[in-house]
Amino acid sequence: MTRLTHHFRYYFFVLFVLWMNGSCRQSLATDPVSVIFDTDISGDVDDVLALAMLHTLADRRECEIHAVTISKINPLTAPFVDAVNTFYGRANIPIGVTRNAQIRDSKYLHLCKQSIDGNRVYSHDLESSDDAPDALTVLRRTLSAAPDQSIVIIQVGLASNLADLVESPADTISEMTGRELIEKKVKLVSVMAGAFEPVNGDPHYLEANVKNGIQSMQRFSEKWPIDCPVIWSDFNIGTRVTYPRQSIARDFEYQANHIVKEAYLLHSGPNHDRPSWDLTSVLYAVRPDDHYFTLSPQGQVSTAEDGYTSFTETENGRDRYLIMSDRQADRVRESLRHLVSQPPR
């Protein structure tokens, strides 16, 4: 080896070390997104995929899950969420449940009670949703303890819990009202709800997360503070990005009795690509700057008496909704598959 060659190799090695050091510093300088996940987990299985995805993003240190609140009523919602959290190594995440919303049956929540030879397959502490605290209590407690402008709320269900939050008075948890807590502590809300473009030719489509809790969505859309941005992922976004059945068949074989795979199969079976509605709200909330989506102009979302959501463009409006090109959809689909199926750390 000539002396010149040696110098060149040394020079490139130094450049590589400096580049790596800079990259590491840049990644460490990006704080994890602090998340509250508000979900109606019970009927559809995309809530399960979305919660799994949040855990794998937390494994990557891209987010921290501060609480999970539940917006539909079933005695097994809280135990099931507890089982998923425990499966991913975060058994101590606070869980809160609504006491006044739609009662919902489920095809998969009973998984948390499954046992083999008397041993529970999926460990958890909560035996019933009745054992969990009220969602509003968990929301107020989590926000009051958080740094200012730090919390991103991901709402993928009925708006009952967030509507209760914005209307809540000061109490023993905090001397601030719910509205004041939101204005001080919440950075962004990422919502899966509504339909701002025609669905299968229907210009007046009534999306389920709104239709099943119209009054709560009206309270949320009317009373949420104007200075706290709300980003909406509507029905069309998740429908265009379905979760591939091939992933369910192939990507979870690293562990027997995988709670996500089993829940999907109980809900949708092996031959269905389920729309990824809730997952898109998670993806935007944690990675807002990665260009998976384009944002609409600013405006205001309103909810009609029949549950129809409309968007009116206004200057300095609180609300925007996701727009996704075909090329972006390909990126989103691949990212969702890898994040949902990533093994627990």
C-alpha atoms as a PDB file:
ATOM      1  CA  MET A   1       0.000   0.000   0.000  1.00  0.00           C
ATOM      2  CA  THR A   2       1.381   3.381  -0.962  1.00  0.00           C
ATOM      3  CA  ARG A   3       1.541   6.242   1.505  1.00  0.00           C
ATOM      4  CA  LEU A   4      -0.904   8.216  -0.685  1.00  0.00           C
ATOM      5  CA  THR A   5      -3.440   5.393  -0.662  1.00  0.00           C
ATOM      6  CA  HIS A   6      -3.105   5.134   3.098  1.00  0.00           C
ATOM      7  CA  HIS A   7      -3.761   8.868   3.478  1.00  0.00           C
ATOM      8  CA  PHE A   8      -6.854   8.667   1.269  1.00  0.00           C
ATOM      9  CA  ARG A   9      -8.257   5.748   3.273  1.00  0.00           C
ATOM     10  CA  TYR A  10      -7.578   7.553   6.518  1.00  0.00           C
ATOM     11  CA  TYR A  11      -9.203  10.712   5.141  1.00  0.00           C
ATOM     12  CA  PHE A  12     -12.391   8.877   4.129  1.00  0.00           C
ATOM     13  CA  PHE A  13     -12.446   7.024   7.457  1.00  0.00           C
ATOM     14  CA  VAL A  14     -12.353  10.339   9.332  1.00  0.00           C
ATOM     15  CA  LEU A  15     -15.123  11.735   7.127  1.00  0.00           C
ATOM     16  CA  PHE A  16     -17.214   8.620   7.785  1.00  0.00           C
ATOM     17  CA  VAL A  17     -16.747   8.901  11.560  1.00  0.00           C
ATOM     18  CA  LEU A  18     -17.669  12.590  11.501  1.00  0.00           C
ATOM     19  CA  TRP A  19     -20.750  11.863   9.379  1.00  0.00           C
ATOM     20  CA  MET A  20     -21.868   9.058  11.693  1.00  0.00           C
ATOM     21  CA  ASN A  21     -21.328  11.243  14.731  1.00  0.00           C
ATOM     22  CA  GLY A  22     -23.397  13.994  13.176  1.00  0.00           C
ATOM     23  CA  SER A  23     -26.152  11.584  12.179  1.00  0.00           C
ATOM     24  CA  CYS A  24     -26.325  10.108  15.657  1.00  0.00           C
ATOM     25  CA  ARG A  25     -26.468  13.534  17.223  1.00  0.00           C
ATOM     26  CA  GLN A  26     -29.217  14.558  14.831  1.00  0.00           C
ATOM     27  CA  SER A  27     -31.304  11.471  15.631  1.00  0.00           C
ATOM     28  CA  LEU A  28     -30.774  11.884  19.372  1.00  0.00           C
ATOM     29  CA  ALA A  29     -31.742  15.534  19.130  1.00  0.00           C
ATOM     30  CA  THR A  30     -35.194  14.540  17.862  1.00  0.00           C
ATOM     31  CA  ASP A  31     -37.257  13.846  20.956  1.00  0.00           C
ATOM     32  CA  PRO A  32     -39.803  11.014  20.840  1.00  0.00           C
ATOM     33  CA  VAL A  33     -43.370  12.154  20.214  1.00  0.00           C
ATOM     34  CA  SER A  34     -45.386  12.035  23.444  1.00  0.00           C
ATOM     35  CA  VAL A  35     -48.648  10.250  22.615  1.00  0.00           C
ATOM     36  CA  ILE A  36     -52.058   9.674  24.141  1.00  0.00           C
ATOM     37  CA  PHE A  37     -53.915   7.029  22.119  1.00  0.00           C
ATOM     38  CA  ASP A  38     -57.707   7.394  22.242  1.00  0.00           C
ATOM     39  CA  THR A  39     -59.317   4.359  20.617  1.00  0.00           C
ATOM     40  CA  ASP A  40     -62.680   2.620  20.240  1.00  0.00           C
ATOM     41  CA  ILE A  41     -60.949  -0.771  20.161  1.00  0.00           C
ATOM     42  CA  SER A  42     -63.663  -3.446  20.065  1.00  0.00           C
ATOM     43  CA  GLY A  43     -65.429  -3.633  16.703  1.00  0.00           C
ATOM     44  CA  ASP A  44     -62.816  -3.187  13.999  1.00  0.00           C
ATOM     45  CA  VAL A  45     -59.326  -4.651  14.100  1.00  0.00           C
ATOM     46  CA  ASP A  46     -57.460  -1.665  12.685  1.00  0.00           C
ATOM     47  CA  ASP A  47     -57.325  -0.304  16.254  1.00  0.00           C
ATOM     48  CA  VAL A  48     -55.258  -3.362  17.219  1.00  0.00           C
ATOM     49  CA  LEU A  49     -52.874  -2.843  14.306  1.00  0.00           C
ATOM     50  CA  ALA A  50     -52.574   0.848  15.203  1.00  0.00           C
ATOM     51  CA  LEU A  51     -51.758   0.097  18.850  1.00  0.00           C
ATOM     52  CA  ALA A  52     -49.154  -2.484  17.806  1.00  0.00           C
ATOM     53  CA  MET A  53     -47.659   0.088  15.455  1.00  0.00           C
ATOM     54  CA  LEU A  54     -47.400   2.646  18.266  1.00  0.00           C
ATOM     55  CA  HIS A  55     -45.491   0.107  20.339  1.00  0.00           C
ATOM     56  CA  THR A  56     -43.000  -0.646  17.575  1.00  0.00           C
ATOM     57  CA  LEU A  57     -42.517   3.081  16.993  1.00  0.00           C
ATOM     58  CA  ALA A  58     -41.857   3.357  20.726  1.00  0.00           C
ATOM     59  CA  ASP A  59     -39.316   0.528  20.399  1.00  0.00           C
ATOM     60  CA  ARG A  60     -37.618   2.698  17.768  1.00  0.00           C
ATOM     61  CA  ARG A  61     -37.703   5.616  20.235  1.00  0.00           C
ATOM     62  CA  GLU A  62     -39.862   7.618  17.859  1.00  0.00           C
ATOM     63  CA  CYS A  63     -42.680   7.982  20.382  1.00  0.00           C
ATOM     64  CA  GLU A  64     -43.628   7.429  24.002  1.00  0.00           C
ATOM     65  CA  ILE A  65     -47.097   6.141  24.868  1.00  0.00           C
ATOM     66  CA  HIS A  66     -48.265   8.084  27.926  1.00  0.00           C
ATOM     67  CA  ALA A  67     -51.811   6.686  28.120  1.00  0.00           C
ATOM     68  CA  VAL A  68     -54.493   4.744  26.255  1.00  0.00           C
ATOM     69  CA  THR A  69     -58.115   5.832  26.619  1.00  0.00           C
ATOM     70  CA  ILE A  70     -61.058   3.865  25.243  1.00  0.00           C
ATOM     71  CA  SER A  71     -64.206   5.387  23.734  1.00  0.00           C
ATOM     72  CA  LYS A  72     -66.574   2.402  23.457  1.00  0.00           C
ATOM     73  CA  ILE A  73     -68.018   0.185  26.157  1.00  0.00           C
ATOM     74  CA  ASN A  74     -67.221  -3.506  26.500  1.00  0.00           C
ATOM     75  CA  PRO A  75     -66.089  -5.313  29.666  1.00  0.00           C
ATOM     76  CA  LEU A  76     -63.010  -6.608  27.829  1.00  0.00           C
ATOM     77  CA  THR A  77     -61.675  -3.456  26.138  1.00  0.00           C
ATOM     78  CA  ALA A  78     -59.365  -2.498  29.005  1.00  0.00           C
ATOM     79  CA  PRO A  79     -58.124  -6.072  29.660  1.00  0.00           C
ATOM     80  CA  PHE A  80     -57.388  -6.501  25.953  1.00  0.00           C
ATOM     81  CA  VAL A  81     -55.449  -3.217  25.730  1.00  0.00           C
ATOM     82  CA  ASP A  82     -53.598  -4.227  28.885  1.00  0.00           C
ATOM     83  CA  ALA A  83     -52.729  -7.554  27.230  1.00  0.00           C
ATOM     84  CA  VAL A  84     -51.406  -5.835  24.082  1.00  0.00           C
ATOM     85  CA  ASN A  85     -49.363  -3.378  26.150  1.00  0.00           C
ATOM     86  CA  THR A  86     -47.941  -6.239  28.207  1.00  0.00           C
ATOM     87  CA  PHE A  87     -47.192  -8.268  25.065  1.00  0.00           C
ATOM     88  CA  TYR A  88     -45.039  -5.374  23.860  1.00  0.00           C
ATOM     89  CA  GLY A  89     -43.327  -4.897  27.210  1.00  0.00           C
ATOM     90  CA  ARG A  90     -45.231  -1.831  28.475  1.00  0.00           C
ATOM     91  CA  ALA A  91     -47.576  -3.224  31.097  1.00  0.00           C
ATOM     92  CA  ASN A  92     -47.679  -0.012  33.138  1.00  0.00           C
ATOM     93  CA  ILE A  93     -49.227   2.344  30.579  1.00  0.00           C
ATOM     94  CA  PRO A  94     -52.289   3.998  32.172  1.00  0.00           C
ATOM     95  CA  ILE A  95     -55.604   2.854  30.647  1.00  0.00           C
ATOM     96  CA  GLY A  96     -58.886   4.734  30.990  1.00  0.00           C
ATOM     97  CA  VAL A  97     -62.375   3.819  29.783  1.00  0.00           C
ATOM     98  CA  THR A  98     -65.511   5.745  28.947  1.00  0.00           C
ATOM     99  CA  ARG A  99     -68.638   5.151  31.023  1.00  0.00           C
ATOM    100  CA  ASN A 100     -71.065   6.781  28.599  1.00  0.00           C
ATOM    101  CA  ALA A 101     -70.786   5.804  24.931  1.00  0.00           C
ATOM    102  CA  GLN A 102     -71.787   3.105  22.469  1.00  0.00           C
ATOM    103  CA  ILE A 103     -71.795  -0.454  23.817  1.00  0.00           C
ATOM    104  CA  ARG A 104     -70.023  -2.691  21.302  1.00  0.00           C
ATOM    105  CA  ASP A 105     -69.602  -6.439  20.823  1.00  0.00           C
ATOM    106  CA  SER A 106     -66.298  -7.765  19.559  1.00  0.00           C
ATOM    107  CA  LYS A 107     -64.969 -10.714  17.592  1.00  0.00           C
ATOM    108  CA  TYR A 108     -61.513 -10.655  19.171  1.00  0.00           C
ATOM    109  CA  LEU A 109     -61.437  -9.032  22.633  1.00  0.00           C
ATOM    110  CA  HIS A 110     -61.943 -12.436  24.274  1.00  0.00           C
ATOM    111  CA  LEU A 111     -58.380 -13.322  23.227  1.00  0.00           C
ATOM    112  CA  CYS A 112     -57.160 -11.712  26.431  1.00  0.00           C
ATOM    113  CA  LYS A 113     -58.942 -14.441  28.413  1.00  0.00           C
ATOM    114  CA  GLN A 114     -57.494 -17.302  26.374  1.00  0.00           C
ATOM    115  CA  SER A 115     -55.599 -19.949  28.317  1.00  0.00           C
ATOM    116  CA  ILE A 116     -53.733 -23.175  27.568  1.00  0.00           C
ATOM    117  CA  ASP A 117     -53.553 -25.847  30.267  1.00  0.00           C
ATOM    118  CA  GLY A 118     -54.765 -23.311  32.787  1.00  0.00           C
ATOM    119  CA  ASN A 119     -52.087 -20.764  31.885  1.00  0.00           C
ATOM    120  CA  ARG A 120     -53.109 -17.428  30.412  1.00  0.00           C
ATOM    121  CA  VAL A 121     -51.716 -16.977  26.897  1.00  0.00           C
ATOM    122  CA  TYR A 122     -51.566 -13.180  27.099  1.00  0.00           C
ATOM    123  CA  SER A 123     -50.635 -11.743  30.479  1.00  0.00           C
ATOM    124  CA  HIS A 124     -52.483  -8.726  31.859  1.00  0.00           C
ATOM    125  CA  ASP A 125     -53.579  -7.304  35.209  1.00  0.00           C
ATOM    126  CA  LEU A 126     -56.956  -5.733  34.466  1.00  0.00           C
ATOM    127  CA  GLU A 127     -59.726  -8.329  34.617  1.00  0.00           C
ATOM    128  CA  SER A 128     -62.561  -6.051  33.536  1.00  0.00           C
ATOM    129  CA  SER A 129     -63.014  -2.588  32.079  1.00  0.00           C
ATOM    130  CA  ASP A 130     -64.826  -1.799  35.331  1.00  0.00           C
ATOM    131  CA  ASP A 131     -61.452  -2.047  37.065  1.00  0.00           C
ATOM    132  CA  ALA A 132     -59.960   0.758  34.938  1.00  0.00           C
ATOM    133  CA  PRO A 133     -60.252   4.437  35.846  1.00  0.00           C
ATOM    134  CA  ASP A 134     -62.450   6.829  33.942  1.00  0.00           C
ATOM    135  CA  ALA A 135     -60.975   8.033  30.640  1.00  0.00           C
ATOM    136  CA  LEU A 136     -61.447  11.682  31.563  1.00  0.00           C
ATOM    137  CA  THR A 137     -59.481  11.172  34.776  1.00  0.00           C
ATOM    138  CA  VAL A 138     -56.622   9.568  32.842  1.00  0.00           C
ATOM    139  CA  LEU A 139     -56.641  12.338  30.232  1.00  0.00           C
ATOM    140  CA  ARG A 140     -56.608  15.152  32.795  1.00  0.00           C
ATOM    141  CA  ARG A 141     -53.952  13.452  34.908  1.00  0.00           C
ATOM    142  CA  THR A 142     -51.703  12.763  31.907  1.00  0.00           C
ATOM    143  CA  LEU A 143     -52.005  16.287  30.531  1.00  0.00           C
ATOM    144  CA  SER A 144     -51.475  17.984  33.881  1.00  0.00           C
ATOM    145  CA  ALA A 145     -48.192  16.104  34.345  1.00  0.00           C
ATOM    146  CA  ALA A 146     -46.911  16.786  30.822  1.00  0.00           C
ATOM    147  CA  PRO A 147     -44.580  19.596  29.703  1.00  0.00           C
ATOM    148  CA  ASP A 148     -46.214  22.438  27.831  1.00  0.00           C
ATOM    149  CA  GLN A 149     -47.096  21.859  24.164  1.00  0.00           C
ATOM    150  CA  SER A 150     -45.738  18.297  24.321  1.00  0.00           C
ATOM    151  CA  ILE A 151     -48.673  15.908  23.871  1.00  0.00           C
ATOM    152  CA  VAL A 152     -49.995  14.567  20.570  1.00  0.00           C
ATOM    153  CA  ILE A 153     -53.420  12.968  20.926  1.00  0.00           C
ATOM    154  CA  ILE A 154     -54.340  10.289  18.395  1.00  0.00           C
ATOM    155  CA  GLN A 155     -58.115   9.806  18.309  1.00  0.00           C
ATOM    156  CA  VAL A 156     -59.283   6.795  16.302  1.00  0.00           C
ATOM    157  CA  GLY A 157     -62.843   6.241  17.430  1.00  0.00           C
ATOM    158  CA  LEU A 158     -65.728   8.116  18.931  1.00  0.00           C
ATOM    159  CA  ALA A 159     -65.022  11.669  20.098  1.00  0.00           C
ATOM    160  CA  SER A 160     -66.669  11.164  23.487  1.00  0.00           C
ATOM    161  CA  ASN A 161     -63.501  11.257  25.595  1.00  0.00           C
ATOM    162  CA  LEU A 162     -62.056  14.359  23.945  1.00  0.00           C
ATOM    163  CA  ALA A 163     -65.433  16.094  24.045  1.00  0.00           C
ATOM    164  CA  ASP A 164     -65.636  15.349  27.776  1.00  0.00           C
ATOM    165  CA  LEU A 165     -62.092  16.650  28.190  1.00  0.00           C
ATOM    166  CA  VAL A 166     -62.697  19.994  26.501  1.00  0.00           C
ATOM    167  CA  GLU A 167     -65.842  20.548  28.601  1.00  0.00           C
ATOM    168  CA  SER A 168     -64.322  19.435  31.913  1.00  0.00           C
ATOM    169  CA  PRO A 169     -64.052  21.895  34.819  1.00  0.00           C
ATOM    170  CA  ALA A 170     -61.114  22.370  37.155  1.00  0.00           C
ATOM    171  CA  ASP A 171     -60.833  19.633  39.775  1.00  0.00           C
ATOM    172  CA  THR A 172     -58.456  18.060  42.284  1.00  0.00           C
ATOM    173  CA  ILE A 173     -56.206  16.855  39.440  1.00  0.00           C
ATOM    174  CA  SER A 174     -55.646  20.324  37.996  1.00  0.00           C
ATOM    175  CA  GLU A 175     -56.828  23.844  38.696  1.00  0.00           C
ATOM    176  CA  MET A 176     -57.114  24.298  34.932  1.00  0.00           C
ATOM    177  CA  THR A 177     -60.258  23.523  32.962  1.00  0.00           C
ATOM    178  CA  GLY A 178     -60.063  20.963  30.183  1.00  0.00           C
ATOM    179  CA  ARG A 179     -59.900  23.704  27.588  1.00  0.00           C
ATOM    180  CA  GLU A 180     -57.024  25.357  29.437  1.00  0.00           C
ATOM    181  CA  LEU A 181     -55.172  22.055  29.739  1.00  0.00           C
ATOM    182  CA  ILE A 182     -55.552  21.461  26.007  1.00  0.00           C
ATOM    183  CA  GLU A 183     -54.320  24.933  25.120  1.00  0.00           C
ATOM    184  CA  LYS A 184     -51.323  24.594  27.418  1.00  0.00           C
ATOM    185  CA  LYS A 185     -50.326  20.951  26.968  1.00  0.00           C
ATOM    186  CA  VAL A 186     -51.537  19.600  23.601  1.00  0.00           C
ATOM    187  CA  LYS A 187     -49.435  20.138  20.485  1.00  0.00           C
ATOM    188  CA  LEU A 188     -51.666  18.380  17.926  1.00  0.00           C
ATOM    189  CA  VAL A 189     -54.624  16.044  17.501  1.00  0.00           C
ATOM    190  CA  SER A 190     -54.547  13.394  14.776  1.00  0.00           C
ATOM    191  CA  VAL A 191     -58.095  12.155  14.120  1.00  0.00           C
ATOM    192  CA  MET A 192     -59.459   9.312  12.031  1.00  0.00           C
ATOM    193  CA  ALA A 193     -63.008  10.361  11.193  1.00  0.00           C
ATOM    194  CA  GLY A 194     -65.254  11.839   8.535  1.00  0.00           C
ATOM    195  CA  ALA A 195     -65.352  11.861   4.745  1.00  0.00           C
ATOM    196  CA  PHE A 196     -64.330  15.035   2.951  1.00  0.00           C
ATOM    197  CA  GLU A 197     -64.484  13.578  -0.552  1.00  0.00           C
ATOM    198  CA  PRO A 198     -67.206  11.324  -2.055  1.00  0.00           C
ATOM    199  CA  VAL A 199     -67.039   7.657  -1.049  1.00  0.00           C
ATOM    200  CA  ASN A 200     -67.842   5.300  -3.924  1.00  0.00           C
ATOM    201  CA  GLY A 201     -69.707   8.117  -5.623  1.00  0.00           C
ATOM    202  CA  ASP A 202     -71.660   9.085  -2.499  1.00  0.00           C
ATOM    203  CA  PRO A 203     -71.073  12.794  -1.760  1.00  0.00           C
ATOM    204  CA  HIS A 204     -72.910  12.570   1.575  1.00  0.00           C
ATOM    205  CA  TYR A 205     -71.217   9.544   3.143  1.00  0.00           C
ATOM    206  CA  LEU A 206     -71.727   9.118   6.896  1.00  0.00           C
ATOM    207  CA  GLU A 207     -68.504   7.754   8.362  1.00  0.00           C
ATOM    208  CA  ALA A 208     -68.828   5.332  11.297  1.00  0.00           C
ATOM    209  CA  ASN A 209     -66.669   7.145  13.883  1.00  0.00           C
ATOM    210  CA  VAL A 210     -68.973  10.140  13.480  1.00  0.00           C
ATOM    211  CA  LYS A 211     -72.283   8.380  12.849  1.00  0.00           C
ATOM    212  CA  ASN A 212     -71.935   6.208  15.977  1.00  0.00           C
ATOM    213  CA  GLY A 213     -71.359   9.216  18.221  1.00  0.00           C
ATOM    214  CA  ILE A 214     -72.766  12.264  16.448  1.00  0.00           C
ATOM    215  CA  GLN A 215     -73.273  14.465  19.489  1.00  0.00           C
ATOM    216  CA  SER A 216     -69.782  13.818  20.826  1.00  0.00           C
ATOM    217  CA  MET A 217     -68.233  14.659  17.446  1.00  0.00           C
ATOM    218  CA  GLN A 218     -70.311  17.844  17.311  1.00  0.00           C
ATOM    219  CA  ARG A 219     -69.073  18.826  20.771  1.00  0.00           C
ATOM    220  CA  PHE A 220     -65.479  18.072  19.776  1.00  0.00           C
ATOM    221  CA  SER A 221     -65.522  19.855  16.414  1.00  0.00           C
ATOM    222  CA  GLU A 222     -67.316  22.912  17.826  1.00  0.00           C
ATOM    223  CA  LYS A 223     -65.465  23.352  21.126  1.00  0.00           C
ATOM    224  CA  TRP A 224     -61.884  22.168  20.545  1.00  0.00           C
ATOM    225  CA  PRO A 225     -59.586  25.213  20.861  1.00  0.00           C
ATOM    226  CA  ILE A 226     -58.882  27.018  17.598  1.00  0.00           C
ATOM    227  CA  ASP A 227     -55.160  27.253  18.408  1.00  0.00           C
ATOM    228  CA  CYS A 228     -54.702  23.475  18.799  1.00  0.00           C
ATOM    229  CA  PRO A 229     -54.341  21.962  15.292  1.00  0.00           C
ATOM    230  CA  VAL A 230     -56.516  18.998  14.300  1.00  0.00           C
ATOM    231  CA  ILE A 231     -55.412  16.821  11.378  1.00  0.00           C
ATOM    232  CA  TRP A 232     -58.119  14.553   9.952  1.00  0.00           C
ATOM    233  CA  SER A 233     -57.533  11.255   8.165  1.00  0.00           C
ATOM    234  CA  ASP A 234     -60.865  10.589   6.505  1.00  0.00           C
ATOM    235  CA  PHE A 235     -62.518   7.374   5.346  1.00  0.00           C
ATOM    236  CA  ASN A 236     -60.958   7.513   1.884  1.00  0.00           C
ATOM    237  CA  ILE A 237     -57.357   7.521   3.099  1.00  0.00           C
ATOM    238  CA  GLY A 238     -57.512   4.236   5.008  1.00  0.00           C
ATOM    239  CA  THR A 239     -59.579   2.576   2.297  1.00  0.00           C
ATOM    240  CA  ARG A 240     -56.900   3.285  -0.290  1.00  0.00           C
ATOM    241  CA  VAL A 241     -54.189   1.731   1.888  1.00  0.00           C
ATOM    242  CA  THR A 242     -55.266  -1.759   2.923  1.00  0.00           C
ATOM    243  CA  TYR A 243     -53.226  -3.973   5.220  1.00  0.00           C
ATOM    244  CA  PRO A 244     -52.024  -6.952   3.132  1.00  0.00           C
ATOM    245  CA  ARG A 245     -53.256 -10.394   4.088  1.00  0.00           C
ATOM    246  CA  GLN A 246     -49.828 -11.721   3.027  1.00  0.00           C
ATOM    247  CA  SER A 247     -48.335  -9.926   6.003  1.00  0.00           C
ATOM    248  CA  ILE A 248     -50.707 -11.670   8.391  1.00  0.00           C
ATOM    249  CA  ALA A 249     -49.795 -15.010   6.819  1.00  0.00           C
ATOM    250  CA  ARG A 250     -46.025 -14.499   6.762  1.00  0.00           C
ATOM    251  CA  ASP A 251     -44.724 -11.699   8.966  1.00  0.00           C
ATOM    252  CA  PHE A 252     -45.743 -12.797  12.455  1.00  0.00           C
ATOM    253  CA  GLU A 253     -44.300 -16.317  12.500  1.00  0.00           C
ATOM    254  CA  TYR A 254     -41.457 -15.252  14.780  1.00  0.00           C
ATOM    255  CA  GLN A 255     -43.766 -15.924  17.738  1.00  0.00           C
ATOM    256  CA  ALA A 256     -46.518 -18.431  18.416  1.00  0.00           C
ATOM    257  CA  ASN A 257     -49.803 -16.981  19.699  1.00  0.00           C
ATOM    258  CA  HIS A 258     -49.193 -13.463  18.403  1.00  0.00           C
ATOM    259  CA  ILE A 259     -52.033 -11.315  19.745  1.00  0.00           C
ATOM    260  CA  VAL A 260     -52.110  -9.015  16.701  1.00  0.00           C
ATOM    261  CA  LYS A 261     -52.238 -11.825  14.156  1.00  0.00           C
ATOM    262  CA  GLU A 262     -54.856 -13.762  16.121  1.00  0.00           C
ATOM    263  CA  ALA A 263     -57.063 -10.681  16.521  1.00  0.00           C
ATOM    264  CA  TYR A 264     -56.851  -9.948  12.783  1.00  0.00           C
ATOM    265  CA  LEU A 265     -57.795 -13.499  11.841  1.00  0.00           C
ATOM    266  CA  LEU A 266     -60.739 -13.560  14.246  1.00  0.00           C
ATOM    267  CA  HIS A 267     -62.035 -10.289  12.829  1.00  0.00           C
ATOM    268  CA  SER A 268     -61.241 -10.455   9.112  1.00  0.00           C
ATOM    269  CA  GLY A 269     -60.106 -13.990   8.369  1.00  0.00           C
ATOM    270  CA  PRO A 270     -57.085 -14.923   6.208  1.00  0.00           C
ATOM    271  CA  ASN A 271     -58.444 -13.704   2.862  1.00  0.00           C
ATOM    272  CA  HIS A 272     -59.160 -10.027   3.472  1.00  0.00           C
ATOM    273  CA  ASP A 273     -57.012  -6.912   3.167  1.00  0.00           C
ATOM    274  CA  ARG A 274     -58.381  -4.668   5.894  1.00  0.00           C
ATOM    275  CA  PRO A 275     -58.423  -0.882   5.361  1.00  0.00           C
ATOM    276  CA  SER A 276     -55.789   0.852   7.474  1.00  0.00           C
ATOM    277  CA  TRP A 277     -57.914   3.752   8.708  1.00  0.00           C
ATOM    278  CA  ASP A 278     -56.525   4.143  12.223  1.00  0.00           C
ATOM    279  CA  LEU A 279     -52.966   3.353  11.221  1.00  0.00           C
ATOM    280  CA  THR A 280     -52.774   6.394   8.955  1.00  0.00           C
ATOM    281  CA  SER A 281     -53.555   8.703  11.872  1.00  0.00           C
ATOM    282  CA  VAL A 282     -50.763   7.078  13.872  1.00  0.00           C
ATOM    283  CA  LEU A 283     -48.298   7.394  11.002  1.00  0.00           C
ATOM    284  CA  TYR A 284     -48.965  11.090  10.531  1.00  0.00           C
ATOM    285  CA  ALA A 285     -48.928  11.821  14.278  1.00  0.00           C
ATOM    286  CA  VAL A 286     -45.498  10.263  14.842  1.00  0.00           C
ATOM    287  CA  ARG A 287     -43.893  11.089  11.482  1.00  0.00           C
ATOM    288  CA  PRO A 288     -45.537  14.340  10.348  1.00  0.00           C
ATOM    289  CA  ASP A 289     -42.497  15.544   8.417  1.00  0.00           C
ATOM    290  CA  ASP A 290     -41.811  12.403   6.375  1.00  0.00           C
ATOM    291  CA  HIS A 291     -44.052  13.362   3.430  1.00  0.00           C
ATOM    292  CA  TYR A 292     -46.290  10.307   3.590  1.00  0.00           C
ATOM    293  CA  PHE A 293     -49.192  12.703   3.095  1.00  0.00           C
ATOM    294  CA  THR A 294     -49.971  16.171   1.841  1.00  0.00           C
ATOM    295  CA  LEU A 295     -52.147  18.489   3.922  1.00  0.00           C
ATOM    296  CA  SER A 296     -55.230  20.335   2.737  1.00  0.00           C
ATOM    297  CA  PRO A 297     -55.487  24.096   3.198  1.00  0.00           C
ATOM    298  CA  GLN A 298     -56.525  25.242   6.659  1.00  0.00           C
ATOM    299  CA  GLY A 299     -60.213  25.319   7.442  1.00  0.00           C
ATOM    300  CA  GLN A 300     -62.989  24.290   9.801  1.00  0.00           C
ATOM    301  CA  VAL A 301     -64.698  20.903  10.139  1.00  0.00           C
ATOM    302  CA  SER A 302     -68.341  20.877  11.180  1.00  0.00           C
ATOM    303  CA  THR A 303     -70.640  17.966  12.011  1.00  0.00           C
ATOM    304  CA  ALA A 304     -74.276  17.966  10.896  1.00  0.00           C
ATOM    305  CA  GLU A 305     -77.191  16.459  12.821  1.00  0.00           C
ATOM    306  CA  ASP A 306     -77.100  13.323  10.663  1.00  0.00           C
ATOM    307  CA  GLY A 307     -73.347  12.835  11.192  1.00  0.00           C
ATOM    308  CA  TYR A 308     -72.130  14.271   7.903  1.00  0.00           C
ATOM    309  CA  THR A 309     -68.788  16.044   8.220  1.00  0.00           C
ATOM    310  CA  SER A 310     -67.985  19.012   6.017  1.00  0.00           C
ATOM    311  CA  PHE A 311     -64.831  21.054   5.582  1.00  0.00           C
ATOM    312  CA  THR A 312     -64.863  24.789   4.919  1.00  0.00           C
ATOM    313  CA  GLU A 313     -61.589  26.434   3.939  1.00  0.00           C
ATOM    314  CA  THR A 314     -60.844  29.408   6.185  1.00  0.00           C
ATOM    315  CA  GLU A 315     -57.750  31.503   6.774  1.00  0.00           C
ATOM    316  CA  ASN A 316     -55.902  30.389   9.922  1.00  0.00           C
ATOM    317  CA  GLY A 317     -58.397  27.559  10.437  1.00  0.00           C
ATOM    318  CA  ARG A 318     -57.774  24.898  13.069  1.00  0.00           C
ATOM    319  CA  ASP A 319     -58.416  21.875  10.826  1.00  0.00           C
ATOM    320  CA  ARG A 320     -56.651  20.253   7.893  1.00  0.00           C
ATOM    321  CA  TYR A 321     -57.126  16.827   6.332  1.00  0.00           C
ATOM    322  CA  LEU A 322     -54.735  14.332   4.773  1.00  0.00           C
ATOM    323  CA  ILE A 323     -54.332  14.070   1.010  1.00  0.00           C
ATOM    324  CA  MET A 324     -52.468  11.091  -0.452  1.00  0.00           C
ATOM    325  CA  SER A 325     -51.207  10.494  -3.988  1.00  0.00           C
ATOM    326  CA  ASP A 326     -50.811   7.013  -5.457  1.00  0.00           C
ATOM    327  CA  ARG A 327     -47.045   7.201  -4.976  1.00  0.00           C
ATOM    328  CA  GLN A 328     -47.487   8.234  -1.372  1.00  0.00           C
ATOM    329  CA  ALA A 329     -49.967   5.382  -0.866  1.00  0.00           C
ATOM    330  CA  ASP A 330     -47.310   2.855  -1.904  1.00  0.00           C
ATOM    331  CA  ARG A 331     -44.900   4.275   0.687  1.00  0.00           C
ATOM    332  CA  VAL A 332     -47.580   4.321   3.374  1.00  0.00           C
ATOM    333  CA  ARG A 333     -48.610   0.706   2.745  1.00  0.00           C
ATOM    334  CA  GLU A 334     -45.039  -0.577   2.946  1.00  0.00           C
ATOM    335  CA  SER A 335     -44.289   1.436   6.094  1.00  0.00           C
ATOM    336  CA  LEU A 336     -47.421   0.216   7.843  1.00  0.00           C
ATOM    337  CA  ARG A 337     -46.619  -3.410   7.069  1.00  0.00           C
ATOM    338  CA  HIS A 338     -43.097  -3.185   8.486  1.00  0.00           C
ATOM    339  CA  LEU A 339     -44.138  -1.235  11.566  1.00  0.00           C
ATOM    340  CA  VAL A 340     -47.107  -3.421  12.506  1.00  0.00           C
ATOM    341  CA  SER A 341     -45.236  -6.696  12.062  1.00  0.00           C
ATOM    342  CA  GLN A 342     -41.976  -5.655  13.747  1.00  0.00           C
ATOM    343  CA  PRO A 343     -41.171  -8.052  16.619  1.00  0.00           C
ATOM    344  CA  PRO A 344     -41.432  -6.622  20.138  1.00  0.00           C
ATOM    345  CA  ARG A 345     -38.085  -5.479  21.440  1.00  0.00           C
END
